[in-house]
Protein backbone atom coordinates (compact mmCIF):
# COMPACT_ATOMS: atom_id res chain seq x y z
CA MET A 1 0.00 0.00 0.00
CA LEU A 2 1.31 3.41 -0.99
CA ALA A 3 0.21 6.70 0.57
CA PHE A 4 0.78 9.88 -1.42
CA VAL A 5 -0.49 13.41 -1.94
CA ARG A 6 -2.54 14.40 -4.98
CA SER A 7 -2.80 18.17 -5.36
CA GLY A 8 -3.25 21.01 -7.81
CA ASN A 9 -5.46 23.89 -8.83
CA ILE A 10 -8.95 22.95 -9.97
CA ARG A 11 -11.79 25.06 -11.23
CA GLN A 12 -15.39 23.93 -11.13
CA LYS A 13 -18.04 25.51 -13.32
CA GLY A 14 -19.04 28.92 -12.03
CA GLN A 15 -16.43 28.90 -9.27
CA GLU A 16 -13.00 30.39 -8.71
CA THR A 17 -9.84 28.32 -8.99
CA LYS A 18 -9.15 26.37 -5.81
CA PHE A 19 -6.04 24.54 -4.65
CA VAL A 20 -6.74 21.02 -3.37
CA SER A 21 -4.37 18.59 -1.67
CA ASP A 22 -5.54 15.23 -0.30
CA ILE A 23 -3.85 12.04 0.86
CA TYR A 24 -4.62 8.98 -1.26
CA LEU A 25 -3.99 5.28 -0.68
CA LEU A 26 -2.96 3.12 -3.64
CA ASP A 27 -3.08 -0.67 -3.49
CA MET A 28 0.06 -1.54 -5.47
CA GLU A 29 -1.28 -4.97 -6.45
CA SER A 30 -4.90 -4.28 -7.39
CA GLY A 31 -4.49 -0.65 -8.43
CA SER A 32 -7.45 0.45 -6.31
CA LEU A 33 -7.28 4.07 -5.20
CA ILE A 34 -8.91 5.68 -2.15
CA ASN A 35 -9.02 9.35 -1.14
CA LEU A 36 -8.33 8.98 2.58
CA THR A 37 -8.67 12.57 3.72
CA ASP A 38 -11.02 14.13 1.12
CA SER A 39 -11.26 17.39 3.04
CA GLU A 40 -11.09 21.15 2.61
CA MET A 41 -7.68 21.14 4.28
CA ILE A 42 -4.32 21.01 2.50
CA GLU A 43 -2.60 17.79 3.59
CA ARG A 44 1.07 17.09 2.87
CA ALA A 45 3.95 14.69 3.63
CA PRO A 46 2.26 11.51 4.98
CA GLN A 47 4.26 8.81 6.75
CA TRP A 48 3.14 5.38 7.97
CA SER A 49 3.40 4.33 11.59
CA PRO A 50 5.87 1.44 12.12
CA ASP A 51 2.98 -1.07 12.33
CA GLY A 52 1.36 0.28 9.15
CA THR A 53 -1.99 1.14 10.75
CA GLN A 54 -1.80 4.94 10.98
CA LEU A 55 -0.53 7.93 9.05
CA VAL A 56 0.99 11.13 10.36
CA TYR A 57 1.02 14.24 8.17
CA ASN A 58 1.01 18.02 8.26
CA ALA A 59 -2.03 20.00 7.14
CA THR A 60 -3.41 23.51 7.05
CA ASP A 61 -6.74 25.19 6.42
CA MET A 62 -7.15 26.82 3.03
CA GLY A 63 -5.39 30.19 2.96
CA GLU A 64 -4.06 29.92 6.51
CA HIS A 65 -0.51 28.73 5.69
CA PHE A 66 -0.09 27.42 9.24
CA HIS A 67 0.61 23.71 9.15
CA ARG A 68 -0.26 21.47 12.08
CA VAL A 69 0.47 17.76 12.64
CA TYR A 70 -2.31 15.16 12.54
CA VAL A 71 -2.52 11.40 13.01
CA GLN A 72 -5.20 9.36 11.27
CA PRO A 73 -5.91 5.60 10.97
CA ALA A 74 -5.34 4.25 7.48
CA ASP A 75 -8.74 2.54 7.48
CA GLY A 76 -10.51 5.86 8.09
CA SER A 77 -12.20 4.47 11.22
CA TYR A 78 -11.95 7.79 13.05
CA PRO A 79 -11.22 11.43 12.10
CA PRO A 80 -7.70 12.87 12.17
CA ARG A 81 -6.36 13.66 15.64
CA LEU A 82 -4.49 16.93 16.18
CA ILE A 83 -1.01 16.27 17.60
CA VAL A 84 0.91 19.53 17.13
CA ASP A 85 -0.54 23.05 17.18
CA GLY A 86 0.87 26.50 17.87
CA ILE A 87 3.91 26.14 15.60
CA VAL A 88 4.30 25.80 11.83
CA ALA A 89 5.08 22.08 11.46
CA TRP A 90 6.47 20.22 8.44
CA GLN A 91 7.44 16.65 7.52
CA PRO A 92 6.47 14.73 10.68
CA ARG A 93 8.06 11.30 11.19
CA TRP A 94 7.39 8.51 13.69
CA SER A 95 9.89 7.18 16.19
CA ALA A 96 10.69 3.47 15.89
CA ASP A 97 8.52 2.67 18.93
CA ALA A 98 5.65 4.84 17.59
CA GLN A 99 5.54 6.81 20.85
CA SER A 100 6.93 10.09 19.49
CA ILE A 101 6.80 12.31 16.42
CA ILE A 102 9.79 14.30 15.19
CA PHE A 103 9.24 17.18 12.77
CA SER A 104 10.64 20.40 11.39
CA GLY A 105 9.10 23.44 13.07
CA GLU A 106 9.30 26.93 11.62
CA VAL A 107 9.52 30.08 13.75
CA ASN A 108 10.35 33.48 12.25
CA ASP A 109 11.27 31.91 8.90
CA HIS A 110 13.76 29.56 10.59
CA GLN A 111 13.40 25.79 10.85
CA ASP A 112 14.55 23.59 13.75
CA LEU A 113 13.77 20.04 14.78
CA TYR A 114 11.14 19.33 17.43
CA MET A 115 9.69 16.24 19.05
CA VAL A 116 6.33 15.57 20.66
CA GLY A 117 4.88 12.54 22.40
CA ILE A 118 2.05 10.83 20.55
CA ASN A 119 -0.15 10.84 23.67
CA ASP A 120 0.84 14.16 25.20
CA ALA A 121 1.45 17.75 24.14
CA ASN A 122 4.97 18.01 25.56
CA LEU A 123 6.87 19.80 22.79
CA ILE A 124 10.68 19.46 22.91
CA GLN A 125 13.02 21.54 20.75
CA LEU A 126 15.92 19.38 19.55
CA THR A 127 18.00 21.94 17.62
CA GLN A 128 18.57 25.68 17.82
CA THR A 129 21.06 26.96 15.28
CA ASP A 130 21.30 30.54 14.03
CA GLY A 131 21.36 30.82 10.24
CA ILE A 132 20.93 27.07 9.72
CA ASP A 133 17.71 25.17 8.92
CA GLU A 134 17.13 21.56 9.97
CA THR A 135 14.45 19.85 7.91
CA GLY A 136 13.22 16.46 6.70
CA PRO A 137 14.00 14.26 9.73
CA ASP A 138 13.80 10.46 9.58
CA TRP A 139 14.22 7.99 12.45
CA SER A 140 16.21 4.80 11.74
CA PRO A 141 14.22 1.55 11.88
CA ASP A 142 16.02 0.39 15.04
CA GLY A 143 15.52 3.76 16.72
CA SER A 144 19.23 4.40 17.26
CA LYS A 145 19.79 7.28 14.81
CA ILE A 146 18.06 10.28 13.28
CA LEU A 147 18.99 11.73 9.92
CA PHE A 148 17.88 15.09 8.57
CA THR A 149 18.77 17.80 6.06
CA ARG A 150 20.89 20.71 7.22
CA ARG A 151 20.56 23.83 5.05
CA THR A 152 23.01 26.70 5.41
CA GLY A 153 22.19 28.57 2.20
CA ARG A 154 18.70 29.86 3.06
CA ARG A 155 16.33 28.06 0.69
CA THR A 156 18.98 27.04 -1.84
CA THR A 157 20.04 23.50 -2.71
CA ASP A 158 23.74 24.47 -2.98
CA HIS A 159 24.23 24.21 0.77
CA GLU A 160 22.04 21.23 1.74
CA ALA A 161 23.62 18.21 3.42
CA ILE A 162 22.36 14.89 4.77
CA VAL A 163 23.46 14.55 8.40
CA VAL A 164 22.95 11.86 11.04
CA VAL A 165 22.97 11.97 14.83
CA SER A 166 22.53 9.48 17.65
CA ALA A 167 18.89 9.34 18.75
CA ASP A 168 20.13 9.65 22.34
CA CYS A 169 20.28 13.38 21.65
CA VAL A 170 16.52 13.68 22.12
CA SER A 171 16.99 13.30 25.88
CA VAL A 172 19.36 16.28 26.11
CA LEU A 173 17.97 19.71 25.23
CA GLU A 174 19.19 20.99 21.85
CA SER A 175 22.03 18.41 21.63
CA CYS A 176 20.89 17.09 18.21
CA ILE A 177 23.02 19.77 16.53
CA ASN A 178 26.12 17.57 16.98
CA ALA A 179 25.54 15.61 13.78
CA GLN A 180 27.82 13.82 11.32
CA VAL A 181 27.70 15.12 7.75
CA LEU A 182 27.24 12.26 5.27
CA GLY A 183 27.18 14.26 2.04
CA LEU A 184 25.30 16.84 -0.02
CA GLY A 185 21.61 16.18 -0.58
CA ARG A 186 18.10 16.28 0.87
CA ASP A 187 15.02 14.07 1.42
CA GLY A 188 17.06 11.37 3.19
CA ARG A 189 15.21 8.10 4.00
CA TRP A 190 16.48 4.99 5.77
CA SER A 191 16.15 1.63 4.06
CA PRO A 192 13.96 -0.92 5.91
CA ASP A 193 17.05 -2.67 7.35
CA GLY A 194 18.76 0.62 8.27
CA GLN A 195 21.86 -0.21 6.19
CA LYS A 196 21.25 2.26 3.33
CA ILE A 197 19.96 5.78 2.84
CA ALA A 198 18.07 7.00 -0.24
CA PHE A 199 18.15 10.72 -0.95
CA SER A 200 17.84 13.30 -3.69
CA ALA A 201 20.61 15.65 -4.76
CA ASP A 202 21.54 17.91 -7.64
CA SER A 203 22.59 16.04 -10.75
CA LYS A 204 26.33 15.89 -11.32
CA SER A 205 26.06 16.02 -15.12
CA ASN A 206 23.24 18.46 -15.96
CA PRO A 207 20.61 20.75 -14.41
CA GLY A 208 18.06 18.88 -12.28
CA SER A 209 18.12 16.38 -9.44
CA GLN A 210 18.45 12.61 -9.11
CA ILE A 211 17.82 9.88 -6.57
CA TYR A 212 20.93 8.35 -5.01
CA ILE A 213 21.59 5.68 -2.40
CA MET A 214 24.53 5.39 0.00
CA ASN A 215 25.62 3.30 2.93
CA ALA A 216 24.53 4.42 6.38
CA ASP A 217 27.99 5.90 7.01
CA GLY A 218 27.90 8.00 3.81
CA SER A 219 30.14 5.73 1.73
CA GLY A 220 29.33 3.95 -1.52
CA VAL A 221 27.17 6.63 -3.15
CA GLN A 222 25.35 5.32 -6.23
CA GLN A 223 23.07 7.18 -8.64
CA VAL A 224 19.75 5.41 -9.16
CA THR A 225 17.69 7.61 -11.51
CA ASP A 226 18.57 9.31 -14.79
CA GLU A 227 16.05 12.06 -15.37
CA GLY A 228 17.94 13.80 -18.15
CA PHE A 229 18.40 17.52 -18.74
CA GLY A 230 16.21 19.54 -16.36
CA GLY A 231 14.54 16.44 -14.90
CA MET A 232 13.70 16.22 -11.22
CA ALA A 233 13.63 13.09 -9.04
CA THR A 234 12.80 13.85 -5.41
CA VAL A 235 11.30 12.55 -2.12
CA PRO A 236 12.26 8.85 -2.37
CA THR A 237 10.60 6.13 -0.30
CA TRP A 238 11.73 2.48 -0.01
CA SER A 239 9.68 -0.61 -0.72
CA PRO A 240 9.25 -2.86 2.36
CA ASP A 241 11.78 -5.38 0.96
CA GLY A 242 14.34 -2.67 0.14
CA ARG A 243 14.51 -3.62 -3.54
CA GLN A 244 12.65 -0.66 -5.06
CA ILE A 245 12.20 3.06 -4.55
CA VAL A 246 9.17 5.21 -5.33
CA TYR A 247 9.86 8.88 -6.03
CA HIS A 248 8.37 12.06 -7.46
CA HIS A 249 9.26 12.36 -11.15
CA ALA A 250 9.13 15.58 -13.17
CA ARG A 251 10.57 16.45 -16.57
CA PRO A 252 10.14 19.49 -18.82
CA ALA A 253 6.98 19.24 -20.97
CA GLU A 254 5.83 16.12 -19.08
CA LYS A 255 3.20 15.66 -16.39
CA ALA A 256 4.73 15.19 -12.95
CA GLY A 257 3.88 12.03 -11.05
CA LEU A 258 5.12 9.02 -9.11
CA PHE A 259 7.59 6.50 -10.52
CA VAL A 260 8.99 3.26 -9.13
CA ILE A 261 12.52 2.05 -9.89
CA ASN A 262 14.72 -0.87 -8.87
CA VAL A 263 17.65 0.12 -6.63
CA ASP A 264 20.06 -0.89 -9.40
CA GLY A 265 18.51 1.81 -11.64
CA SER A 266 16.50 -0.50 -13.88
CA GLY A 267 12.79 -0.76 -14.55
CA ALA A 268 11.68 2.83 -13.95
CA HIS A 269 7.99 3.33 -14.74
CA ALA A 270 4.98 5.39 -13.70
CA ILE A 271 2.65 3.99 -11.03
CA THR A 272 0.06 6.79 -10.88
CA ASP A 273 -1.76 8.77 -13.53
CA SER A 274 -3.44 11.80 -12.03
CA PRO A 275 -6.08 13.70 -14.01
CA PHE A 276 -4.90 17.07 -15.32
CA PRO A 277 -4.16 19.52 -13.69
CA LEU A 278 -3.50 17.46 -10.54
CA TYR A 279 -0.14 15.87 -9.78
CA ASP A 280 1.13 13.27 -7.30
CA ASP A 281 3.87 13.80 -4.73
CA PHE A 282 5.15 12.82 -1.25
CA PRO A 283 4.99 9.00 -1.61
CA ALA A 284 5.19 6.76 1.48
CA TRP A 285 5.26 2.95 1.16
CA ARG A 286 3.58 1.04 3.99
CA PRO A 287 6.10 -1.03 5.99
CA GLY A 288 6.00 -4.76 6.57
């Protein structure tokens, strides 16, 4: 089962253009598609709980631009539950024991990492670095490490790096800044066995970005996708068996969507076909 976001500007007869963004569930075997959220809110960046029964995501009301964190069962058995409020929250991710959520929180146009308990409102700030943004966190499957993107160039990709830190840092206020730099890139995601990291980074040969994989220590970097001139491959997510990666694919003059590819770079093909002008993004493959 794959969760993803389908969004875009739509215009119904006699109405103004409206931006919609919902979380969908795609059965990879049968091809059946369900709109899980189907709401007036703008939902983004879903991630499955470790047991594959719930999704966490950030969402905002139309026009508010203030994202909160919600948790919702994948079977739609009850409405989304508000987990984080009072701070602009992006890219929430579960801890390995499913008891905590880590996310990037934005205050005064600056992003740091925060953590909150799933059953309480105790908000803990994990980083506080002037002039540096910490975004896109991801907890390792065994719960021992946290990786995230560190940006020093203020909204540019030229100064983005994948870094990793011991998860023990969450017990010491603001100690998660002492991270090891693995290499340039963004959108880092642990493989199911915690031995590899998939990420996106600027292409080495032409304008655009590609999906790469590397060992957990930053060695053995391998390019997976080949999007060509101006092509973009971003936000990778691993298959449960670690053999494939789903990612957001975009090329000039082509409709953006979701592709799946083998980790050796073979077999790339589209897995969704959104109706124009909608597009699909932020894939998350259910574990197990």
